[in-house]
Amino acid sequence: QDKRTTFMIRNIPNKYTQQMLIDYVNATHERKYDFLYLRIDFQNKCNVGYAFINFIDPKDAIEFARDRVGKKWQSLFKSDKKCDLSYANIQGKQALIKKFQNSQVLSE
């Protein structure tokens, strides 16, 4: 059984905020993840289209992927983008914190 828990979420509409992404994940997986980081381009004041999420249990990661991959983003913005996921090269909460600890916005 696959033990990986960390995904890179891709194709996020650029106007999505960290809070919108949290709400999107919490709609089905509240309290099932322990790390979420949406990369932001502060110069352009929008996200760069991808984020990292770490689920506590591998089963929840797989369930999230089944629920969301290929589905259009719930969005107030006109976007035809569909959620895409891939396992991240960096796996686990501690490794993610170490990688992004010097980033301007880090939300646990």
C-alpha atoms as a PDB file:
ATOM      1  CA  GLN A   1       0.000   0.000   0.000  1.00  0.00           C
ATOM      2  CA  ASP A   2       1.208   3.492  -0.904  1.00  0.00           C
ATOM      3  CA  LYS A   3       2.310   5.433   2.183  1.00  0.00           C
ATOM      4  CA  ARG A   4       2.821   8.808   0.482  1.00  0.00           C
ATOM      5  CA  THR A   5       0.788  11.658   1.948  1.00  0.00           C
ATOM      6  CA  THR A   6       2.002  14.814   0.175  1.00  0.00           C
ATOM      7  CA  PHE A   7       0.571  16.158  -3.068  1.00  0.00           C
ATOM      8  CA  MET A   8       1.361  19.034  -5.321  1.00  0.00           C
ATOM      9  CA  ILE A   9      -2.014  20.533  -6.269  1.00  0.00           C
ATOM     10  CA  ARG A  10      -1.839  22.033  -9.764  1.00  0.00           C
ATOM     11  CA  ASN A  11      -3.963  24.150 -12.129  1.00  0.00           C
ATOM     12  CA  ILE A  12      -5.248  26.336  -9.290  1.00  0.00           C
ATOM     13  CA  PRO A  13      -6.976  29.452 -10.679  1.00  0.00           C
ATOM     14  CA  ASN A  14      -4.541  32.321 -10.161  1.00  0.00           C
ATOM     15  CA  LYS A  15      -7.041  34.461  -8.288  1.00  0.00           C
ATOM     16  CA  TYR A  16      -7.576  31.753  -5.646  1.00  0.00           C
ATOM     17  CA  THR A  17      -6.421  32.873  -2.199  1.00  0.00           C
ATOM     18  CA  GLN A  18      -5.007  30.708   0.576  1.00  0.00           C
ATOM     19  CA  GLN A  19      -8.372  30.922   2.371  1.00  0.00           C
ATOM     20  CA  MET A  20     -10.284  29.829  -0.751  1.00  0.00           C
ATOM     21  CA  LEU A  21      -7.992  26.828  -1.068  1.00  0.00           C
ATOM     22  CA  ILE A  22      -8.458  25.978   2.619  1.00  0.00           C
ATOM     23  CA  ASP A  23     -12.248  26.173   2.156  1.00  0.00           C
ATOM     24  CA  TYR A  24     -12.000  23.988  -0.970  1.00  0.00           C
ATOM     25  CA  VAL A  25     -10.063  21.286   0.888  1.00  0.00           C
ATOM     26  CA  ASN A  26     -12.134  21.584   4.075  1.00  0.00           C
ATOM     27  CA  ALA A  27     -15.357  20.965   2.154  1.00  0.00           C
ATOM     28  CA  THR A  28     -14.457  17.255   2.142  1.00  0.00           C
ATOM     29  CA  HIS A  29     -11.245  16.822   4.152  1.00  0.00           C
ATOM     30  CA  GLU A  30     -11.320  19.160   7.141  1.00  0.00           C
ATOM     31  CA  ARG A  31      -8.864  18.080   9.879  1.00  0.00           C
ATOM     32  CA  LYS A  32      -7.443  15.364   7.604  1.00  0.00           C
ATOM     33  CA  TYR A  33      -4.354  17.348   6.578  1.00  0.00           C
ATOM     34  CA  ASP A  34      -1.636  19.035   8.607  1.00  0.00           C
ATOM     35  CA  PHE A  35       0.069  21.250   6.035  1.00  0.00           C
ATOM     36  CA  LEU A  36      -1.145  23.431   3.168  1.00  0.00           C
ATOM     37  CA  TYR A  37       0.966  25.977   1.324  1.00  0.00           C
ATOM     38  CA  LEU A  38      -0.187  28.000  -1.681  1.00  0.00           C
ATOM     39  CA  ARG A  39       2.703  29.614  -3.543  1.00  0.00           C
ATOM     40  CA  ILE A  40       2.089  33.338  -4.058  1.00  0.00           C
ATOM     41  CA  ASP A  41       3.625  35.779  -6.519  1.00  0.00           C
ATOM     42  CA  PHE A  42       3.610  38.901  -4.368  1.00  0.00           C
ATOM     43  CA  GLN A  43       4.621  41.138  -7.267  1.00  0.00           C
ATOM     44  CA  ASN A  44       1.535  40.173  -9.277  1.00  0.00           C
ATOM     45  CA  LYS A  45      -0.642  39.638  -6.177  1.00  0.00           C
ATOM     46  CA  CYS A  46      -1.854  36.194  -7.222  1.00  0.00           C
ATOM     47  CA  ASN A  47      -0.914  32.571  -6.693  1.00  0.00           C
ATOM     48  CA  VAL A  48       1.399  30.786  -9.110  1.00  0.00           C
ATOM     49  CA  GLY A  49      -1.054  27.960  -9.833  1.00  0.00           C
ATOM     50  CA  TYR A  50       0.147  25.273  -7.461  1.00  0.00           C
ATOM     51  CA  ALA A  51       0.197  24.366  -3.783  1.00  0.00           C
ATOM     52  CA  PHE A  52       1.455  21.626  -1.494  1.00  0.00           C
ATOM     53  CA  ILE A  53      -0.727  19.645   0.892  1.00  0.00           C
ATOM     54  CA  ASN A  54       0.155  16.901   3.347  1.00  0.00           C
ATOM     55  CA  PHE A  55      -2.521  14.511   4.553  1.00  0.00           C
ATOM     56  CA  ILE A  56      -2.220  12.827   7.941  1.00  0.00           C
ATOM     57  CA  ASP A  57      -3.300   9.432   6.581  1.00  0.00           C
ATOM     58  CA  PRO A  58      -2.392   8.063   3.115  1.00  0.00           C
ATOM     59  CA  LYS A  59      -5.995   6.829   2.704  1.00  0.00           C
ATOM     60  CA  ASP A  60      -7.267  10.404   2.953  1.00  0.00           C
ATOM     61  CA  ALA A  61      -4.731  11.527   0.338  1.00  0.00           C
ATOM     62  CA  ILE A  62      -5.979   8.871  -2.079  1.00  0.00           C
ATOM     63  CA  GLU A  63      -9.616   9.743  -1.326  1.00  0.00           C
ATOM     64  CA  PHE A  64      -8.924  13.443  -1.957  1.00  0.00           C
ATOM     65  CA  ALA A  65      -7.321  12.593  -5.303  1.00  0.00           C
ATOM     66  CA  ARG A  66     -10.310  10.453  -6.322  1.00  0.00           C
ATOM     67  CA  ASP A  67     -12.726  13.232  -5.312  1.00  0.00           C
ATOM     68  CA  ARG A  68     -10.965  16.123  -7.002  1.00  0.00           C
ATOM     69  CA  VAL A  69      -8.739  15.198  -9.965  1.00  0.00           C
ATOM     70  CA  GLY A  70     -10.241  16.343 -13.250  1.00  0.00           C
ATOM     71  CA  LYS A  71     -13.011  18.348 -11.602  1.00  0.00           C
ATOM     72  CA  LYS A  72     -13.470  22.054 -12.271  1.00  0.00           C
ATOM     73  CA  TRP A  73     -12.499  24.369  -9.437  1.00  0.00           C
ATOM     74  CA  GLN A  74     -15.361  25.848  -7.433  1.00  0.00           C
ATOM     75  CA  SER A  75     -14.726  29.427  -8.349  1.00  0.00           C
ATOM     76  CA  LEU A  76     -16.255  32.851  -8.496  1.00  0.00           C
ATOM     77  CA  PHE A  77     -13.864  33.503 -11.355  1.00  0.00           C
ATOM     78  CA  LYS A  78     -14.360  32.441 -14.942  1.00  0.00           C
ATOM     79  CA  SER A  79     -11.936  29.565 -15.118  1.00  0.00           C
ATOM     80  CA  ASP A  80     -12.076  26.296 -17.007  1.00  0.00           C
ATOM     81  CA  LYS A  81      -9.119  24.926 -15.061  1.00  0.00           C
ATOM     82  CA  LYS A  82      -9.514  21.487 -13.553  1.00  0.00           C
ATOM     83  CA  CYS A  83      -7.833  20.255 -10.405  1.00  0.00           C
ATOM     84  CA  ASP A  84      -4.751  18.155 -11.008  1.00  0.00           C
ATOM     85  CA  LEU A  85      -2.582  16.385  -8.442  1.00  0.00           C
ATOM     86  CA  SER A  86       0.728  14.612  -8.378  1.00  0.00           C
ATOM     87  CA  TYR A  87       2.697  13.172  -5.521  1.00  0.00           C
ATOM     88  CA  ALA A  88       5.221  15.761  -4.366  1.00  0.00           C
ATOM     89  CA  ASN A  89       8.939  15.017  -4.486  1.00  0.00           C
ATOM     90  CA  ILE A  90       9.088  16.196  -0.872  1.00  0.00           C
ATOM     91  CA  GLN A  91       7.018  13.951   1.396  1.00  0.00           C
ATOM     92  CA  GLY A  92       5.809  14.635   4.941  1.00  0.00           C
ATOM     93  CA  LYS A  93       5.004  17.651   7.087  1.00  0.00           C
ATOM     94  CA  GLN A  94       8.481  18.096   8.578  1.00  0.00           C
ATOM     95  CA  ALA A  95      10.186  17.989   5.172  1.00  0.00           C
ATOM     96  CA  LEU A  96       7.708  20.567   3.835  1.00  0.00           C
ATOM     97  CA  ILE A  97       8.242  22.876   6.803  1.00  0.00           C
ATOM     98  CA  LYS A  98      11.995  22.649   6.306  1.00  0.00           C
ATOM     99  CA  LYS A  99      11.641  23.394   2.579  1.00  0.00           C
ATOM    100  CA  PHE A 100       9.301  26.373   2.976  1.00  0.00           C
ATOM    101  CA  GLN A 101      10.253  27.765   6.402  1.00  0.00           C
ATOM    102  CA  ASN A 102      11.793  30.879   4.855  1.00  0.00           C
ATOM    103  CA  SER A 103       8.863  31.552   2.518  1.00  0.00           C
ATOM    104  CA  GLN A 104       6.857  34.718   3.088  1.00  0.00           C
ATOM    105  CA  VAL A 105       3.550  32.967   3.712  1.00  0.00           C
ATOM    106  CA  LEU A 106       3.464  29.587   5.401  1.00  0.00           C
ATOM    107  CA  SER A 107       0.222  28.239   6.828  1.00  0.00           C
ATOM    108  CA  GLU A 108       0.056  25.125   8.957  1.00  0.00           C
END
